[in-house]
Protein backbone atom coordinates (compact mmCIF):
# COMPACT_ATOMS: atom_id res chain seq x y z
CA UNK A 1 45.25 34.76 0.25
CA UNK A 2 43.06 35.91 -2.62
CA UNK A 3 40.00 33.91 -3.58
CA UNK A 4 37.88 33.95 -6.71
CA UNK A 5 34.13 34.10 -6.43
CA UNK A 6 31.37 33.18 -8.90
CA UNK A 7 31.47 36.49 -10.74
CA UNK A 8 35.27 36.21 -11.18
CA UNK A 9 35.78 39.10 -8.79
CA UNK A 10 38.84 39.03 -6.60
CA UNK A 11 37.85 38.61 -2.97
CA UNK A 12 40.43 38.73 -0.19
CA UNK A 13 38.21 37.52 2.66
CA UNK A 14 35.54 34.87 2.91
CA UNK A 15 32.10 35.69 4.21
CA UNK A 16 31.07 34.13 7.50
CA UNK A 17 28.19 32.41 5.69
CA UNK A 18 30.67 30.58 3.46
CA UNK A 19 31.39 28.38 6.47
CA UNK A 20 28.72 25.61 6.45
CA UNK A 21 28.62 25.31 10.25
CA UNK A 22 27.89 29.00 10.71
CA UNK A 23 25.39 28.94 7.84
CA UNK A 24 23.48 25.98 9.34
CA UNK A 25 23.48 27.65 12.76
CA UNK A 26 22.06 30.76 11.11
CA UNK A 27 19.37 28.61 9.49
CA UNK A 28 18.52 27.17 12.89
CA UNK A 29 18.22 30.61 14.44
CA UNK A 30 16.00 31.80 11.58
CA UNK A 31 13.80 28.69 11.92
CA UNK A 32 13.40 29.33 15.66
CA UNK A 33 12.52 32.97 15.04
CA UNK A 34 10.13 32.09 12.20
CA UNK A 35 8.42 29.53 14.45
CA UNK A 36 7.73 32.26 16.97
CA UNK A 37 6.63 34.64 14.21
CA UNK A 38 4.39 31.88 12.80
CA UNK A 39 2.80 31.37 16.20
CA UNK A 40 2.37 35.04 17.15
CA UNK A 41 2.19 37.02 13.91
CA UNK A 42 0.16 34.64 11.72
CA UNK A 43 -3.08 35.04 13.70
CA UNK A 44 -2.78 38.79 13.23
CA UNK A 45 -2.66 38.55 9.43
CA UNK A 46 -4.99 35.55 9.23
CA UNK A 47 -7.93 35.81 6.87
CA UNK A 48 -10.90 33.79 8.17
CA UNK A 49 -8.59 31.45 10.16
CA UNK A 50 -6.35 30.89 7.13
CA UNK A 51 -2.65 31.32 7.87
CA UNK A 52 0.40 31.59 5.63
CA UNK A 53 3.19 29.10 6.29
CA UNK A 54 6.42 31.09 6.72
CA UNK A 55 8.40 28.04 7.79
CA UNK A 56 7.59 26.14 4.62
CA UNK A 57 8.71 29.06 2.46
CA UNK A 58 12.02 29.24 4.34
CA UNK A 59 12.55 25.48 4.14
CA UNK A 60 11.91 25.65 0.39
CA UNK A 61 14.58 28.35 0.12
CA UNK A 62 17.00 26.18 2.09
CA UNK A 63 16.28 23.15 -0.12
CA UNK A 64 16.84 25.16 -3.27
CA UNK A 65 20.07 26.67 -1.96
CA UNK A 66 21.64 23.71 -0.15
CA UNK A 67 20.04 20.67 -1.74
CA UNK A 68 17.41 18.09 -0.97
CA UNK A 69 19.04 16.42 2.07
CA UNK A 70 19.75 19.67 3.91
CA UNK A 71 16.23 20.84 3.02
CA UNK A 72 14.73 17.66 4.46
CA UNK A 73 16.64 18.06 7.72
CA UNK A 74 15.60 21.72 7.91
CA UNK A 75 11.95 20.80 7.21
CA UNK A 76 11.95 18.09 9.86
CA UNK A 77 13.53 20.35 12.47
CA UNK A 78 11.27 23.29 11.59
CA UNK A 79 8.16 21.11 11.71
CA UNK A 80 9.17 19.52 15.00
CA UNK A 81 10.02 22.87 16.61
CA UNK A 82 6.69 24.28 15.49
CA UNK A 83 4.83 21.21 16.74
CA UNK A 84 6.43 21.62 20.16
CA UNK A 85 5.89 25.37 20.59
CA UNK A 86 2.35 25.33 19.18
CA UNK A 87 1.17 22.35 21.26
CA UNK A 88 0.21 20.55 18.07
CA UNK A 89 0.32 16.79 17.68
CA UNK A 90 4.04 16.01 17.61
CA UNK A 91 5.19 15.04 14.15
CA UNK A 92 2.30 16.25 11.99
CA UNK A 93 4.02 19.43 10.81
CA UNK A 94 7.34 17.61 10.57
CA UNK A 95 5.94 14.85 8.34
CA UNK A 96 3.97 17.23 6.13
CA UNK A 97 6.99 19.53 5.80
CA UNK A 98 9.32 16.68 4.88
CA UNK A 99 7.02 15.45 2.11
CA UNK A 100 6.58 18.96 0.71
CA UNK A 101 10.28 19.83 0.79
CA UNK A 102 11.18 16.43 -0.69
CA UNK A 103 9.48 17.59 -3.89
CA UNK A 104 11.09 21.03 -3.81
CA UNK A 105 14.55 19.53 -3.33
CA UNK A 106 14.40 17.90 -6.77
CA UNK A 107 14.73 21.35 -8.32
CA UNK A 108 18.01 22.24 -6.60
CA UNK A 109 20.69 23.14 -9.14
CA UNK A 110 24.17 24.11 -8.01
CA UNK A 111 24.86 27.75 -8.78
CA UNK A 112 21.31 28.50 -9.96
CA UNK A 113 19.77 29.47 -6.62
CA UNK A 114 19.22 33.18 -7.30
CA UNK A 115 17.83 32.53 -10.76
CA UNK A 116 15.32 30.00 -9.43
CA UNK A 117 14.16 31.91 -6.37
CA UNK A 118 14.08 35.15 -8.35
CA UNK A 119 11.64 33.77 -10.94
CA UNK A 120 8.04 32.65 -11.18
CA UNK A 121 9.21 29.02 -10.86
CA UNK A 122 9.78 29.63 -7.16
CA UNK A 123 6.11 30.55 -6.74
CA UNK A 124 5.05 27.39 -8.55
CA UNK A 125 7.30 25.30 -6.29
CA UNK A 126 5.91 26.98 -3.18
CA UNK A 127 2.37 26.47 -4.46
CA UNK A 128 2.92 22.74 -5.05
CA UNK A 129 4.83 22.29 -1.78
CA UNK A 130 2.15 24.07 0.23
CA UNK A 131 -0.58 22.04 -1.45
CA UNK A 132 1.22 18.81 -0.54
CA UNK A 133 1.81 20.10 3.00
CA UNK A 134 -1.86 21.02 3.47
CA UNK A 135 -3.09 17.72 2.02
CA UNK A 136 -0.92 15.64 4.34
CA UNK A 137 -1.39 17.83 7.40
CA UNK A 138 -5.17 18.08 7.14
CA UNK A 139 -5.67 14.42 6.27
CA UNK A 140 -3.79 13.57 9.47
CA UNK A 141 -5.80 16.08 11.51
CA UNK A 142 -9.35 15.82 10.14
CA UNK A 143 -12.14 13.88 11.80
CA UNK A 144 -14.17 12.83 8.75
CA UNK A 145 -17.31 12.14 10.75
CA UNK A 146 -17.61 15.78 11.83
CA UNK A 147 -16.46 17.77 8.79
CA UNK A 148 -17.28 17.95 5.11
CA UNK A 149 -13.89 17.11 3.61
CA UNK A 150 -14.37 19.04 0.35
CA UNK A 151 -15.40 22.26 2.08
CA UNK A 152 -12.67 21.81 4.67
CA UNK A 153 -10.02 21.24 2.00
CA UNK A 154 -11.17 24.19 -0.11
CA UNK A 155 -10.94 26.49 2.89
CA UNK A 156 -7.82 25.26 4.63
CA UNK A 157 -6.08 23.51 1.74
CA UNK A 158 -6.53 25.66 -1.32
CA UNK A 159 -6.97 29.04 0.38
CA UNK A 160 -3.99 28.49 2.67
CA UNK A 161 -1.93 27.38 -0.32
CA UNK A 162 -2.76 30.55 -2.23
CA UNK A 163 -2.08 32.73 0.83
CA UNK A 164 1.34 31.16 1.39
CA UNK A 165 2.15 31.54 -2.30
CA UNK A 166 1.27 35.24 -2.15
CA UNK A 167 3.58 35.68 0.85
CA UNK A 168 6.33 33.87 -1.13
CA UNK A 169 6.33 36.79 -3.54
CA UNK A 170 8.46 38.70 -0.99
CA UNK A 171 11.58 36.48 -1.24
CA UNK A 172 11.05 36.29 -5.00
CA UNK A 173 11.16 40.09 -5.25
CA UNK A 174 14.23 40.29 -3.01
CA UNK A 175 16.12 37.72 -5.09
CA UNK A 176 14.99 39.26 -8.37
CA UNK A 177 16.30 42.61 -7.18
CA UNK A 178 19.62 41.12 -6.03
CA UNK A 179 20.17 39.41 -9.36
CA UNK A 180 19.68 42.75 -11.16
CA UNK A 181 22.36 44.49 -9.12
């Protein structure tokens, strides 16, 4: 049975990722793999103990593609998985991720995913989401009697936000290239 796709091309078969169950399972597998990459690979590319947040970038992509509710579930699951495998306080990454992705999810527009992720607006969304994530995460984790909050936030909040935003250029370039083809 022929089907019509977005570009009005005639397609005779559906892609496996058109099935939501398979797509969500694929998201889960990618989140599990990115959690391991985050744990093992991030210290290798760390700059002065500042790490990019691969999981947050992926959850932002999910929220922009699928919508706010799916993005929130993905952010919660990704944060919880990372909390468990990294021996972090359970729920800190999950809460910070949910609040960050909640903001990103407002910019979901049906059928505009490639245009959004393939433009500078994606970098702005990742920047804001990472800033929110770092604010919430580090406020929950900081012991104010031992650390200068401003210096701590400049190092781990702002610098980590910029580093994650720089890493988010990769999916932007991939989507920008795909939209040109």
